[in-house]
Amino acid sequence: MGDRVGDMEDYCMVEAAMEVVGGKWKLAILRHLFDGTCRFGELNRAMPAITPRMLTRQLRELEADGLVRRVVYPEVPPKVEYSLTYLGESLRPIALRLEEWGHWYRERRGLGGEPVTPRS
């Protein structure tokens, strides 16, 4: 994915960011890793709606994009830990702000606030 981002024009930087962190699960995974290193099973239990196959895929993409570090320990059974890299950690303020917005949005929608309508 990093190659495609490097080839994008400067006016596409939101698209470039979405290429890296877009998708249903990536920011949620990063959010769990803000709390510290996790094993695969811990992440899987923390997000019961994601399948193990999709979690593996999303973790591999985050690793390929340099946001997550994967460490495999030579044990039986294998022990694998995931943590944030410097690049992954740099998303903390953005992800936490999105989380705040999500709470705000849900409260507004749940309290009979103005319905969200598309622009004409």
PDB file of N, CA and C in Angstrom:
ATOM      1  N   MET A   1       0.796  -1.178   0.000  1.00  0.00           N
ATOM      2  CA  MET A   1       0.000   0.000   0.000  1.00  0.00           C
ATOM      3  C   MET A   1       0.846   1.251   0.000  1.00  0.00           C
ATOM      4  N   GLY A   2       1.962   1.244   0.632  1.00  0.00           N
ATOM      5  CA  GLY A   2       2.826   2.400   0.709  1.00  0.00           C
ATOM      6  C   GLY A   2       3.244   2.920  -0.645  1.00  0.00           C
ATOM      7  N   ASP A   3       3.428   2.035  -1.625  1.00  0.00           N
ATOM      8  CA  ASP A   3       3.817   2.466  -2.965  1.00  0.00           C
ATOM      9  C   ASP A   3       2.736   3.324  -3.592  1.00  0.00           C
ATOM     10  N   ARG A   4       1.491   2.917  -3.459  1.00  0.00           N
ATOM     11  CA  ARG A   4       0.387   3.693  -4.031  1.00  0.00           C
ATOM     12  C   ARG A   4       0.290   5.051  -3.380  1.00  0.00           C
ATOM     13  N   VAL A   5       0.511   5.137  -2.092  1.00  0.00           N
ATOM     14  CA  VAL A   5       0.436   6.407  -1.389  1.00  0.00           C
ATOM     15  C   VAL A   5       1.519   7.345  -1.886  1.00  0.00           C
ATOM     16  N   GLY A   6       2.708   6.825  -2.106  1.00  0.00           N
ATOM     17  CA  GLY A   6       3.808   7.645  -2.594  1.00  0.00           C
ATOM     18  C   GLY A   6       3.575   8.200  -3.983  1.00  0.00           C
ATOM     19  N   ASP A   7       2.773   7.525  -4.772  1.00  0.00           N
ATOM     20  CA  ASP A   7       2.494   7.965  -6.133  1.00  0.00           C
ATOM     21  C   ASP A   7       1.342   8.948  -6.239  1.00  0.00           C
ATOM     22  N   MET A   8       0.638   9.214  -5.152  1.00  0.00           N
ATOM     23  CA  MET A   8      -0.534  10.094  -5.200  1.00  0.00           C
ATOM     24  C   MET A   8      -0.112  11.558  -5.283  1.00  0.00           C
ATOM     25  N   GLU A   9      -0.941  12.334  -5.949  1.00  0.00           N
ATOM     26  CA  GLU A   9      -0.731  13.777  -6.030  1.00  0.00           C
ATOM     27  C   GLU A   9      -0.961  14.400  -4.654  1.00  0.00           C
ATOM     28  N   ASP A  10      -0.386  15.569  -4.414  1.00  0.00           N
ATOM     29  CA  ASP A  10      -0.504  16.233  -3.120  1.00  0.00           C
ATOM     30  C   ASP A  10      -1.948  16.539  -2.733  1.00  0.00           C
ATOM     31  N   TYR A  11      -2.806  16.793  -3.705  1.00  0.00           N
ATOM     32  CA  TYR A  11      -4.188  17.117  -3.385  1.00  0.00           C
ATOM     33  C   TYR A  11      -4.979  15.900  -2.905  1.00  0.00           C
ATOM     34  N   CYS A  12      -4.394  14.720  -2.944  1.00  0.00           N
ATOM     35  CA  CYS A  12      -5.081  13.478  -2.551  1.00  0.00           C
ATOM     36  C   CYS A  12      -4.637  12.973  -1.184  1.00  0.00           C
ATOM     37  N   MET A  13      -4.158  13.813  -0.304  1.00  0.00           N
ATOM     38  CA  MET A  13      -3.597  13.324   0.945  1.00  0.00           C
ATOM     39  C   MET A  13      -4.632  12.718   1.885  1.00  0.00           C
ATOM     40  N   VAL A  14      -5.884  13.152   1.837  1.00  0.00           N
ATOM     41  CA  VAL A  14      -6.917  12.478   2.625  1.00  0.00           C
ATOM     42  C   VAL A  14      -7.105  11.074   2.069  1.00  0.00           C
ATOM     43  N   GLU A  15      -7.104  10.960   0.758  1.00  0.00           N
ATOM     44  CA  GLU A  15      -7.203   9.642   0.124  1.00  0.00           C
ATOM     45  C   GLU A  15      -6.003   8.777   0.500  1.00  0.00           C
ATOM     46  N   ALA A  16      -4.820   9.395   0.557  1.00  0.00           N
ATOM     47  CA  ALA A  16      -3.617   8.650   0.939  1.00  0.00           C
ATOM     48  C   ALA A  16      -3.743   8.130   2.366  1.00  0.00           C
ATOM     49  N   ALA A  17      -4.238   8.978   3.260  1.00  0.00           N
ATOM     50  CA  ALA A  17      -4.422   8.543   4.653  1.00  0.00           C
ATOM     51  C   ALA A  17      -5.448   7.421   4.734  1.00  0.00           C
ATOM     52  N   MET A  18      -6.519   7.543   3.983  1.00  0.00           N
ATOM     53  CA  MET A  18      -7.556   6.511   4.002  1.00  0.00           C
ATOM     54  C   MET A  18      -7.050   5.211   3.396  1.00  0.00           C
ATOM     55  N   GLU A  19      -6.123   5.288   2.487  1.00  0.00           N
ATOM     56  CA  GLU A  19      -5.530   4.084   1.902  1.00  0.00           C
ATOM     57  C   GLU A  19      -4.818   3.273   2.989  1.00  0.00           C
ATOM     58  N   VAL A  20      -4.253   3.969   3.966  1.00  0.00           N
ATOM     59  CA  VAL A  20      -3.494   3.304   5.023  1.00  0.00           C
ATOM     60  C   VAL A  20      -4.384   2.876   6.187  1.00  0.00           C
ATOM     61  N   VAL A  21      -5.285   3.745   6.652  1.00  0.00           N
ATOM     62  CA  VAL A  21      -6.076   3.436   7.851  1.00  0.00           C
ATOM     63  C   VAL A  21      -7.548   3.196   7.565  1.00  0.00           C
ATOM     64  N   GLY A  22      -7.931   3.236   6.299  1.00  0.00           N
ATOM     65  CA  GLY A  22      -9.329   3.017   5.951  1.00  0.00           C
ATOM     66  C   GLY A  22      -9.745   1.577   6.201  1.00  0.00           C
ATOM     67  N   GLY A  23     -11.011   1.366   6.216  1.00  0.00           N
ATOM     68  CA  GLY A  23     -11.538   0.035   6.488  1.00  0.00           C
ATOM     69  C   GLY A  23     -12.216   0.014   7.830  1.00  0.00           C
ATOM     70  N   LYS A  24     -13.015  -0.977   8.024  1.00  0.00           N
ATOM     71  CA  LYS A  24     -13.850  -1.053   9.216  1.00  0.00           C
ATOM     72  C   LYS A  24     -13.066  -1.285  10.498  1.00  0.00           C
ATOM     73  N   TRP A  25     -11.935  -1.981  10.430  1.00  0.00           N
ATOM     74  CA  TRP A  25     -11.296  -2.463  11.651  1.00  0.00           C
ATOM     75  C   TRP A  25      -9.962  -1.818  12.005  1.00  0.00           C
ATOM     76  N   LYS A  26      -9.298  -1.178  11.061  1.00  0.00           N
ATOM     77  CA  LYS A  26      -7.926  -0.737  11.323  1.00  0.00           C
ATOM     78  C   LYS A  26      -7.809   0.250  12.474  1.00  0.00           C
ATOM     79  N   LEU A  27      -8.643   1.272  12.498  1.00  0.00           N
ATOM     80  CA  LEU A  27      -8.556   2.228  13.600  1.00  0.00           C
ATOM     81  C   LEU A  27      -8.944   1.584  14.929  1.00  0.00           C
ATOM     82  N   ALA A  28      -9.875   0.641  14.894  1.00  0.00           N
ATOM     83  CA  ALA A  28     -10.244  -0.060  16.126  1.00  0.00           C
ATOM     84  C   ALA A  28      -9.068  -0.882  16.648  1.00  0.00           C
ATOM     85  N   ILE A  29      -8.361  -1.527  15.752  1.00  0.00           N
ATOM     86  CA  ILE A  29      -7.168  -2.296  16.151  1.00  0.00           C
ATOM     87  C   ILE A  29      -6.130  -1.365  16.741  1.00  0.00           C
ATOM     88  N   LEU A  30      -5.868  -0.260  16.052  1.00  0.00           N
ATOM     89  CA  LEU A  30      -4.891   0.711  16.555  1.00  0.00           C
ATOM     90  C   LEU A  30      -5.316   1.227  17.920  1.00  0.00           C
ATOM     91  N   ARG A  31      -6.596   1.490  18.092  1.00  0.00           N
ATOM     92  CA  ARG A  31      -7.108   1.988  19.373  1.00  0.00           C
ATOM     93  C   ARG A  31      -6.782   1.019  20.505  1.00  0.00           C
ATOM     94  N   HIS A  32      -6.920  -0.273  20.269  1.00  0.00           N
ATOM     95  CA  HIS A  32      -6.573  -1.257  21.302  1.00  0.00           C
ATOM     96  C   HIS A  32      -5.066  -1.276  21.557  1.00  0.00           C
ATOM     97  N   LEU A  33      -4.282  -1.073  20.522  1.00  0.00           N
ATOM     98  CA  LEU A  33      -2.828  -1.090  20.689  1.00  0.00           C
ATOM     99  C   LEU A  33      -2.293   0.181  21.349  1.00  0.00           C
ATOM    100  N   PHE A  34      -3.087   1.251  21.408  1.00  0.00           N
ATOM    101  CA  PHE A  34      -2.669   2.448  22.143  1.00  0.00           C
ATOM    102  C   PHE A  34      -2.487   2.122  23.615  1.00  0.00           C
ATOM    103  N   ASP A  35      -3.201   1.104  24.100  1.00  0.00           N
ATOM    104  CA  ASP A  35      -3.097   0.708  25.501  1.00  0.00           C
ATOM    105  C   ASP A  35      -1.876  -0.153  25.786  1.00  0.00           C
ATOM    106  N   GLY A  36      -1.179  -0.588  24.740  1.00  0.00           N
ATOM    107  CA  GLY A  36       0.025  -1.391  24.928  1.00  0.00           C
ATOM    108  C   GLY A  36       0.040  -2.616  24.036  1.00  0.00           C
ATOM    109  N   THR A  37       1.107  -3.363  24.140  1.00  0.00           N
ATOM    110  CA  THR A  37       1.317  -4.568  23.345  1.00  0.00           C
ATOM    111  C   THR A  37       0.217  -5.587  23.621  1.00  0.00           C
ATOM    112  N   CYS A  38      -0.252  -6.223  22.541  1.00  0.00           N
ATOM    113  CA  CYS A  38      -1.305  -7.240  22.662  1.00  0.00           C
ATOM    114  C   CYS A  38      -0.927  -8.477  21.863  1.00  0.00           C
ATOM    115  N   ARG A  39      -1.384  -9.605  22.345  1.00  0.00           N
ATOM    116  CA  ARG A  39      -1.292 -10.841  21.579  1.00  0.00           C
ATOM    117  C   ARG A  39      -2.525 -10.959  20.707  1.00  0.00           C
ATOM    118  N   PHE A  40      -2.449 -11.823  19.700  1.00  0.00           N
ATOM    119  CA  PHE A  40      -3.547 -11.986  18.758  1.00  0.00           C
ATOM    120  C   PHE A  40      -4.859 -12.319  19.480  1.00  0.00           C
ATOM    121  N   GLY A  41      -4.802 -13.248  20.406  1.00  0.00           N
ATOM    122  CA  GLY A  41      -6.003 -13.659  21.131  1.00  0.00           C
ATOM    123  C   GLY A  41      -6.633 -12.524  21.924  1.00  0.00           C
ATOM    124  N   GLU A  42      -5.796 -11.663  22.490  1.00  0.00           N
ATOM    125  CA  GLU A  42      -6.320 -10.515  23.239  1.00  0.00           C
ATOM    126  C   GLU A  42      -7.086  -9.572  22.310  1.00  0.00           C
ATOM    127  N   LEU A  43      -6.499  -9.308  21.150  1.00  0.00           N
ATOM    128  CA  LEU A  43      -7.179  -8.450  20.183  1.00  0.00           C
ATOM    129  C   LEU A  43      -8.478  -9.095  19.715  1.00  0.00           C
ATOM    130  N   ASN A  44      -8.430 -10.377  19.469  1.00  0.00           N
ATOM    131  CA  ASN A  44      -9.608 -11.094  18.988  1.00  0.00           C
ATOM    132  C   ASN A  44     -10.735 -11.058  20.029  1.00  0.00           C
ATOM    133  N   ARG A  45     -10.389 -11.219  21.297  1.00  0.00           N
ATOM    134  CA  ARG A  45     -11.404 -11.152  22.356  1.00  0.00           C
ATOM    135  C   ARG A  45     -11.928  -9.726  22.547  1.00  0.00           C
ATOM    136  N   ALA A  46     -11.070  -8.742  22.356  1.00  0.00           N
ATOM    137  CA  ALA A  46     -11.465  -7.345  22.535  1.00  0.00           C
ATOM    138  C   ALA A  46     -12.416  -6.873  21.441  1.00  0.00           C
ATOM    139  N   MET A  47     -12.390  -7.565  20.293  1.00  0.00           N
ATOM    140  CA  MET A  47     -13.239  -7.191  19.164  1.00  0.00           C
ATOM    141  C   MET A  47     -13.981  -8.431  18.675  1.00  0.00           C
ATOM    142  N   PRO A  48     -14.993  -8.870  19.405  1.00  0.00           N
ATOM    143  CA  PRO A  48     -15.652 -10.130  19.065  1.00  0.00           C
ATOM    144  C   PRO A  48     -16.376 -10.131  17.717  1.00  0.00           C
ATOM    145  N   ALA A  49     -16.653  -8.961  17.156  1.00  0.00           N
ATOM    146  CA  ALA A  49     -17.375  -8.917  15.880  1.00  0.00           C
ATOM    147  C   ALA A  49     -16.466  -9.178  14.674  1.00  0.00           C
ATOM    148  N   ILE A  50     -15.164  -9.134  14.857  1.00  0.00           N
ATOM    149  CA  ILE A  50     -14.233  -9.373  13.750  1.00  0.00           C
ATOM    150  C   ILE A  50     -13.861 -10.852  13.720  1.00  0.00           C
ATOM    151  N   THR A  51     -13.774 -11.405  12.526  1.00  0.00           N
ATOM    152  CA  THR A  51     -13.361 -12.805  12.410  1.00  0.00           C
ATOM    153  C   THR A  51     -11.844 -12.891  12.557  1.00  0.00           C
ATOM    154  N   PRO A  52     -11.325 -14.020  13.015  1.00  0.00           N
ATOM    155  CA  PRO A  52      -9.874 -14.179  13.111  1.00  0.00           C
ATOM    156  C   PRO A  52      -9.178 -13.956  11.760  1.00  0.00           C
ATOM    157  N   ARG A  53      -9.814 -14.407  10.693  1.00  0.00           N
ATOM    158  CA  ARG A  53      -9.226 -14.231   9.355  1.00  0.00           C
ATOM    159  C   ARG A  53      -9.100 -12.744   9.003  1.00  0.00           C
ATOM    160  N   MET A  54     -10.150 -11.968   9.272  1.00  0.00           N
ATOM    161  CA  MET A  54     -10.113 -10.536   8.971  1.00  0.00           C
ATOM    162  C   MET A  54      -9.138  -9.818   9.883  1.00  0.00           C
ATOM    163  N   LEU A  55      -9.061 -10.213  11.146  1.00  0.00           N
ATOM    164  CA  LEU A  55      -8.100  -9.608  12.066  1.00  0.00           C
ATOM    165  C   LEU A  55      -6.690  -9.850  11.566  1.00  0.00           C
ATOM    166  N   THR A  56      -6.395 -11.065  11.148  1.00  0.00           N
ATOM    167  CA  THR A  56      -5.073 -11.373  10.601  1.00  0.00           C
ATOM    168  C   THR A  56      -4.769 -10.507   9.387  1.00  0.00           C
ATOM    169  N   ARG A  57      -5.728 -10.403   8.509  1.00  0.00           N
ATOM    170  CA  ARG A  57      -5.537  -9.598   7.281  1.00  0.00           C
ATOM    171  C   ARG A  57      -5.271  -8.132   7.613  1.00  0.00           C
ATOM    172  N   GLN A  58      -6.085  -7.561   8.514  1.00  0.00           N
ATOM    173  CA  GLN A  58      -5.908  -6.161   8.875  1.00  0.00           C
ATOM    174  C   GLN A  58      -4.575  -5.929   9.579  1.00  0.00           C
ATOM    175  N   LEU A  59      -4.180  -6.849  10.457  1.00  0.00           N
ATOM    176  CA  LEU A  59      -2.884  -6.720  11.137  1.00  0.00           C
ATOM    177  C   LEU A  59      -1.734  -6.786  10.130  1.00  0.00           C
ATOM    178  N   ARG A  60      -1.822  -7.672   9.154  1.00  0.00           N
ATOM    179  CA  ARG A  60      -0.777  -7.767   8.130  1.00  0.00           C
ATOM    180  C   ARG A  60      -0.671  -6.488   7.325  1.00  0.00           C
ATOM    181  N   GLU A  61      -1.826  -5.891   6.988  1.00  0.00           N
ATOM    182  CA  GLU A  61      -1.804  -4.632   6.237  1.00  0.00           C
ATOM    183  C   GLU A  61      -1.216  -3.503   7.079  1.00  0.00           C
ATOM    184  N   LEU A  62      -1.596  -3.444   8.347  1.00  0.00           N
ATOM    185  CA  LEU A  62      -1.036  -2.419   9.232  1.00  0.00           C
ATOM    186  C   LEU A  62       0.469  -2.605   9.404  1.00  0.00           C
ATOM    187  N   GLU A  63       0.912  -3.847   9.458  1.00  0.00           N
ATOM    188  CA  GLU A  63       2.347  -4.134   9.556  1.00  0.00           C
ATOM    189  C   GLU A  63       3.054  -3.727   8.273  1.00  0.00           C
ATOM    190  N   ALA A  64       2.482  -4.067   7.118  1.00  0.00           N
ATOM    191  CA  ALA A  64       3.088  -3.725   5.830  1.00  0.00           C
ATOM    192  C   ALA A  64       3.196  -2.209   5.649  1.00  0.00           C
ATOM    193  N   ASP A  65       2.250  -1.465   6.226  1.00  0.00           N
ATOM    194  CA  ASP A  65       2.269  -0.008   6.115  1.00  0.00           C
ATOM    195  C   ASP A  65       3.127   0.651   7.195  1.00  0.00           C
ATOM    196  N   GLY A  66       3.747  -0.150   8.056  1.00  0.00           N
ATOM    197  CA  GLY A  66       4.667   0.385   9.046  1.00  0.00           C
ATOM    198  C   GLY A  66       4.015   0.945  10.293  1.00  0.00           C
ATOM    199  N   LEU A  67       2.751   0.626  10.533  1.00  0.00           N
ATOM    200  CA  LEU A  67       2.062   1.151  11.708  1.00  0.00           C
ATOM    201  C   LEU A  67       2.105   0.196  12.895  1.00  0.00           C
ATOM    202  N   VAL A  68       2.238  -1.091  12.610  1.00  0.00           N
ATOM    203  CA  VAL A  68       2.231  -2.121  13.656  1.00  0.00           C
ATOM    204  C   VAL A  68       3.481  -2.980  13.524  1.00  0.00           C
ATOM    205  N   ARG A  69       4.041  -3.314  14.672  1.00  0.00           N
ATOM    206  CA  ARG A  69       5.200  -4.211  14.739  1.00  0.00           C
ATOM    207  C   ARG A  69       4.715  -5.573  15.226  1.00  0.00           C
ATOM    208  N   ARG A  70       5.166  -6.598  14.540  1.00  0.00           N
ATOM    209  CA  ARG A  70       4.792  -7.978  14.903  1.00  0.00           C
ATOM    210  C   ARG A  70       6.055  -8.690  15.364  1.00  0.00           C
ATOM    211  N   VAL A  71       6.010  -9.248  16.557  1.00  0.00           N
ATOM    212  CA  VAL A  71       7.156  -9.976  17.099  1.00  0.00           C
ATOM    213  C   VAL A  71       6.718 -11.416  17.359  1.00  0.00           C
ATOM    214  N   VAL A  72       7.452 -12.355  16.765  1.00  0.00           N
ATOM    215  CA  VAL A  72       7.170 -13.775  16.951  1.00  0.00           C
ATOM    216  C   VAL A  72       8.255 -14.355  17.845  1.00  0.00           C
ATOM    217  N   TYR A  73       7.853 -14.997  18.935  1.00  0.00           N
ATOM    218  CA  TYR A  73       8.800 -15.619  19.851  1.00  0.00           C
ATOM    219  C   TYR A  73       8.907 -17.103  19.514  1.00  0.00           C
ATOM    220  N   PRO A  74      10.128 -17.629  19.508  1.00  0.00           N
ATOM    221  CA  PRO A  74      10.324 -19.044  19.153  1.00  0.00           C
ATOM    222  C   PRO A  74       9.920 -19.976  20.299  1.00  0.00           C
ATOM    223  N   GLU A  75       8.629 -20.133  20.456  1.00  0.00           N
ATOM    224  CA  GLU A  75       8.083 -20.988  21.501  1.00  0.00           C
ATOM    225  C   GLU A  75       7.069 -21.935  20.883  1.00  0.00           C
ATOM    226  N   VAL A  76       6.716 -22.956  21.631  1.00  0.00           N
ATOM    227  CA  VAL A  76       5.651 -23.857  21.214  1.00  0.00           C
ATOM    228  C   VAL A  76       4.614 -23.862  22.329  1.00  0.00           C
ATOM    229  N   PRO A  77       3.381 -23.440  22.057  1.00  0.00           N
ATOM    230  CA  PRO A  77       2.896 -22.882  20.790  1.00  0.00           C
ATOM    231  C   PRO A  77       3.503 -21.501  20.547  1.00  0.00           C
ATOM    232  N   PRO A  78       3.507 -21.039  19.305  1.00  0.00           N
ATOM    233  CA  PRO A  78       4.129 -19.753  18.989  1.00  0.00           C
ATOM    234  C   PRO A  78       3.462 -18.603  19.739  1.00  0.00           C
ATOM    235  N   LYS A  79       4.274 -17.700  20.184  1.00  0.00           N
ATOM    236  CA  LYS A  79       3.790 -16.495  20.856  1.00  0.00           C
ATOM    237  C   LYS A  79       4.036 -15.328  19.909  1.00  0.00           C
ATOM    238  N   VAL A  80       2.968 -14.592  19.563  1.00  0.00           N
ATOM    239  CA  VAL A  80       3.068 -13.454  18.655  1.00  0.00           C
ATOM    240  C   VAL A  80       2.491 -12.242  19.355  1.00  0.00           C
ATOM    241  N   GLU A  81       3.244 -11.156  19.364  1.00  0.00           N
ATOM    242  CA  GLU A  81       2.794  -9.922  19.984  1.00  0.00           C
ATOM    243  C   GLU A  81       2.765  -8.803  18.954  1.00  0.00           C
ATOM    244  N   TYR A  82       1.796  -7.900  19.118  1.00  0.00           N
ATOM    245  CA  TYR A  82       1.635  -6.749  18.236  1.00  0.00           C
ATOM    246  C   TYR A  82       1.747  -5.479  19.066  1.00  0.00           C
ATOM    247  N   SER A  83       2.456  -4.514  18.520  1.00  0.00           N
ATOM    248  CA  SER A  83       2.579  -3.219  19.175  1.00  0.00           C
ATOM    249  C   SER A  83       2.659  -2.144  18.093  1.00  0.00           C
ATOM    250  N   LEU A  84       2.538  -0.898  18.533  1.00  0.00           N
ATOM    251  CA  LEU A  84       2.587   0.212  17.587  1.00  0.00           C
ATOM    252  C   LEU A  84       4.021   0.611  17.297  1.00  0.00           C
ATOM    253  N   THR A  85       4.260   1.018  16.082  1.00  0.00           N
ATOM    254  CA  THR A  85       5.522   1.641  15.723  1.00  0.00           C
ATOM    255  C   THR A  85       5.386   3.142  15.983  1.00  0.00           C
ATOM    256  N   TYR A  86       6.449   3.869  15.727  1.00  0.00           N
ATOM    257  CA  TYR A  86       6.396   5.326  15.846  1.00  0.00           C
ATOM    258  C   TYR A  86       5.303   5.896  14.939  1.00  0.00           C
ATOM    259  N   LEU A  87       5.210   5.378  13.719  1.00  0.00           N
ATOM    260  CA  LEU A  87       4.172   5.846  12.788  1.00  0.00           C
ATOM    261  C   LEU A  87       2.774   5.531  13.306  1.00  0.00           C
ATOM    262  N   GLY A  88       2.594   4.349  13.858  1.00  0.00           N
ATOM    263  CA  GLY A  88       1.298   3.990  14.421  1.00  0.00           C
ATOM    264  C   GLY A  88       0.933   4.871  15.598  1.00  0.00           C
ATOM    265  N   GLU A  89       1.910   5.124  16.456  1.00  0.00           N
ATOM    266  CA  GLU A  89       1.690   5.977  17.622  1.00  0.00           C
ATOM    267  C   GLU A  89       1.309   7.403  17.196  1.00  0.00           C
ATOM    268  N   SER A  90       1.792   7.842  16.058  1.00  0.00           N
ATOM    269  CA  SER A  90       1.490   9.202  15.588  1.00  0.00           C
ATOM    270  C   SER A  90       0.003   9.381  15.281  1.00  0.00           C
ATOM    271  N   LEU A  91      -0.732   8.295  15.128  1.00  0.00           N
ATOM    272  CA  LEU A  91      -2.170   8.375  14.860  1.00  0.00           C
ATOM    273  C   LEU A  91      -3.010   8.516  16.132  1.00  0.00           C
ATOM    274  N   ARG A  92      -2.386   8.442  17.295  1.00  0.00           N
ATOM    275  CA  ARG A  92      -3.125   8.486  18.565  1.00  0.00           C
ATOM    276  C   ARG A  92      -4.050   9.709  18.656  1.00  0.00           C
ATOM    277  N   PRO A  93      -3.559  10.938  18.473  1.00  0.00           N
ATOM    278  CA  PRO A  93      -4.473  12.077  18.642  1.00  0.00           C
ATOM    279  C   PRO A  93      -5.619  12.077  17.626  1.00  0.00           C
ATOM    280  N   ILE A  94      -5.351  11.624  16.433  1.00  0.00           N
ATOM    281  CA  ILE A  94      -6.387  11.581  15.400  1.00  0.00           C
ATOM    282  C   ILE A  94      -7.445  10.534  15.756  1.00  0.00           C
ATOM    283  N   ALA A  95      -7.003   9.349  16.125  1.00  0.00           N
ATOM    284  CA  ALA A  95      -7.935   8.268  16.451  1.00  0.00           C
ATOM    285  C   ALA A  95      -8.753   8.604  17.690  1.00  0.00           C
ATOM    286  N   LEU A  96      -8.121   9.190  18.699  1.00  0.00           N
ATOM    287  CA  LEU A  96      -8.862   9.544  19.910  1.00  0.00           C
ATOM    288  C   LEU A  96      -9.868  10.646  19.627  1.00  0.00           C
ATOM    289  N   ARG A  97      -9.513  11.569  18.760  1.00  0.00           N
ATOM    290  CA  ARG A  97     -10.457  12.634  18.381  1.00  0.00           C
ATOM    291  C   ARG A  97     -11.640  12.040  17.605  1.00  0.00           C
ATOM    292  N   LEU A  98     -11.376  11.086  16.732  1.00  0.00           N
ATOM    293  CA  LEU A  98     -12.462  10.408  16.021  1.00  0.00           C
ATOM    294  C   LEU A  98     -13.357   9.650  16.986  1.00  0.00           C
ATOM    295  N   GLU A  99     -12.757   9.049  17.997  1.00  0.00           N
ATOM    296  CA  GLU A  99     -13.545   8.347  19.009  1.00  0.00           C
ATOM    297  C   GLU A  99     -14.457   9.323  19.745  1.00  0.00           C
ATOM    298  N   GLU A 100     -13.927  10.487  20.110  1.00  0.00           N
ATOM    299  CA  GLU A 100     -14.738  11.517  20.759  1.00  0.00           C
ATOM    300  C   GLU A 100     -15.885  11.945  19.853  1.00  0.00           C
ATOM    301  N   TRP A 101     -15.583  12.159  18.592  1.00  0.00           N
ATOM    302  CA  TRP A 101     -16.609  12.563  17.640  1.00  0.00           C
ATOM    303  C   TRP A 101     -17.684  11.477  17.526  1.00  0.00           C
ATOM    304  N   GLY A 102     -17.277  10.227  17.513  1.00  0.00           N
ATOM    305  CA  GLY A 102     -18.230   9.132  17.446  1.00  0.00           C
ATOM    306  C   GLY A 102     -19.200   9.153  18.616  1.00  0.00           C
ATOM    307  N   HIS A 103     -18.683   9.417  19.826  1.00  0.00           N
ATOM    308  CA  HIS A 103     -19.556   9.525  20.999  1.00  0.00           C
ATOM    309  C   HIS A 103     -20.514  10.717  20.833  1.00  0.00           C
ATOM    310  N   TRP A 104     -19.964  11.852  20.418  1.00  0.00           N
ATOM    311  CA  TRP A 104     -20.771  13.052  20.216  1.00  0.00           C
ATOM    312  C   TRP A 104     -21.865  12.793  19.177  1.00  0.00           C
ATOM    313  N   TYR A 105     -21.514  12.179  18.086  1.00  0.00           N
ATOM    314  CA  TYR A 105     -22.464  11.910  17.005  1.00  0.00           C
ATOM    315  C   TYR A 105     -23.578  10.975  17.487  1.00  0.00           C
ATOM    316  N   ARG A 106     -23.193   9.918  18.177  1.00  0.00           N
ATOM    317  CA  ARG A 106     -24.181   8.957  18.679  1.00  0.00           C
ATOM    318  C   ARG A 106     -25.152   9.625  19.660  1.00  0.00           C
ATOM    319  N   GLU A 107     -24.629  10.495  20.523  1.00  0.00           N
ATOM    320  CA  GLU A 107     -25.500  11.213  21.470  1.00  0.00           C
ATOM    321  C   GLU A 107     -26.477  12.106  20.723  1.00  0.00           C
ATOM    322  N   ARG A 108     -26.007  12.812  19.720  1.00  0.00           N
ATOM    323  CA  ARG A 108     -26.887  13.711  18.968  1.00  0.00           C
ATOM    324  C   ARG A 108     -27.959  12.939  18.211  1.00  0.00           C
ATOM    325  N   ARG A 109     -27.576  11.840  17.628  1.00  0.00           N
ATOM    326  CA  ARG A 109     -28.541  11.024  16.877  1.00  0.00           C
ATOM    327  C   ARG A 109     -29.507  10.323  17.816  1.00  0.00           C
ATOM    328  N   GLY A 110     -29.035   9.938  18.976  1.00  0.00           N
ATOM    329  CA  GLY A 110     -29.883   9.205  19.912  1.00  0.00           C
ATOM    330  C   GLY A 110     -30.826  10.093  20.705  1.00  0.00           C
ATOM    331  N   LEU A 111     -30.528  11.396  20.773  1.00  0.00           N
ATOM    332  CA  LEU A 111     -31.356  12.303  21.572  1.00  0.00           C
ATOM    333  C   LEU A 111     -32.348  13.085  20.712  1.00  0.00           C
ATOM    334  N   GLY A 112     -32.696  12.550  19.553  1.00  0.00           N
ATOM    335  CA  GLY A 112     -33.667  13.222  18.713  1.00  0.00           C
ATOM    336  C   GLY A 112     -33.113  14.462  18.040  1.00  0.00           C
ATOM    337  N   GLY A 113     -31.796  14.513  17.901  1.00  0.00           N
ATOM    338  CA  GLY A 113     -31.183  15.656  17.234  1.00  0.00           C
ATOM    339  C   GLY A 113     -31.593  15.705  15.772  1.00  0.00           C
ATOM    340  N   GLU A 114     -31.118  16.715  15.116  1.00  0.00           N
ATOM    341  CA  GLU A 114     -31.425  16.881  13.709  1.00  0.00           C
ATOM    342  C   GLU A 114     -30.945  15.672  12.931  1.00  0.00           C
ATOM    343  N   PRO A 115     -31.784  15.127  12.058  1.00  0.00           N
ATOM    344  CA  PRO A 115     -31.323  13.998  11.238  1.00  0.00           C
ATOM    345  C   PRO A 115     -30.232  14.467  10.272  1.00  0.00           C
ATOM    346  N   VAL A 116     -29.313  13.582  10.015  1.00  0.00           N
ATOM    347  CA  VAL A 116     -28.247  13.891   9.086  1.00  0.00           C
ATOM    348  C   VAL A 116     -28.783  13.664   7.689  1.00  0.00           C
ATOM    349  N   THR A 117     -28.799  14.711   6.886  1.00  0.00           N
ATOM    350  CA  THR A 117     -29.295  14.607   5.517  1.00  0.00           C
ATOM    351  C   THR A 117     -28.184  14.968   4.548  1.00  0.00           C
ATOM    352  N   PRO A 118     -28.198  14.362   3.373  1.00  0.00           N
ATOM    353  CA  PRO A 118     -27.161  14.681   2.387  1.00  0.00           C
ATOM    354  C   PRO A 118     -27.339  16.096   1.847  1.00  0.00           C
ATOM    355  N   ARG A 119     -26.249  16.685   1.425  1.00  0.00           N
ATOM    356  CA  ARG A 119     -26.298  18.017   0.806  1.00  0.00           C
ATOM    357  C   ARG A 119     -26.930  17.928  -0.569  1.00  0.00           C
ATOM    358  N   SER A 120     -27.585  19.003  -0.964  1.00  0.00           N
ATOM    359  CA  SER A 120     -28.191  19.036  -2.298  1.00  0.00           C
ATOM    360  C   SER A 120     -27.165  19.411  -3.342  1.00  0.00           C
TER     361      SER A 120
END
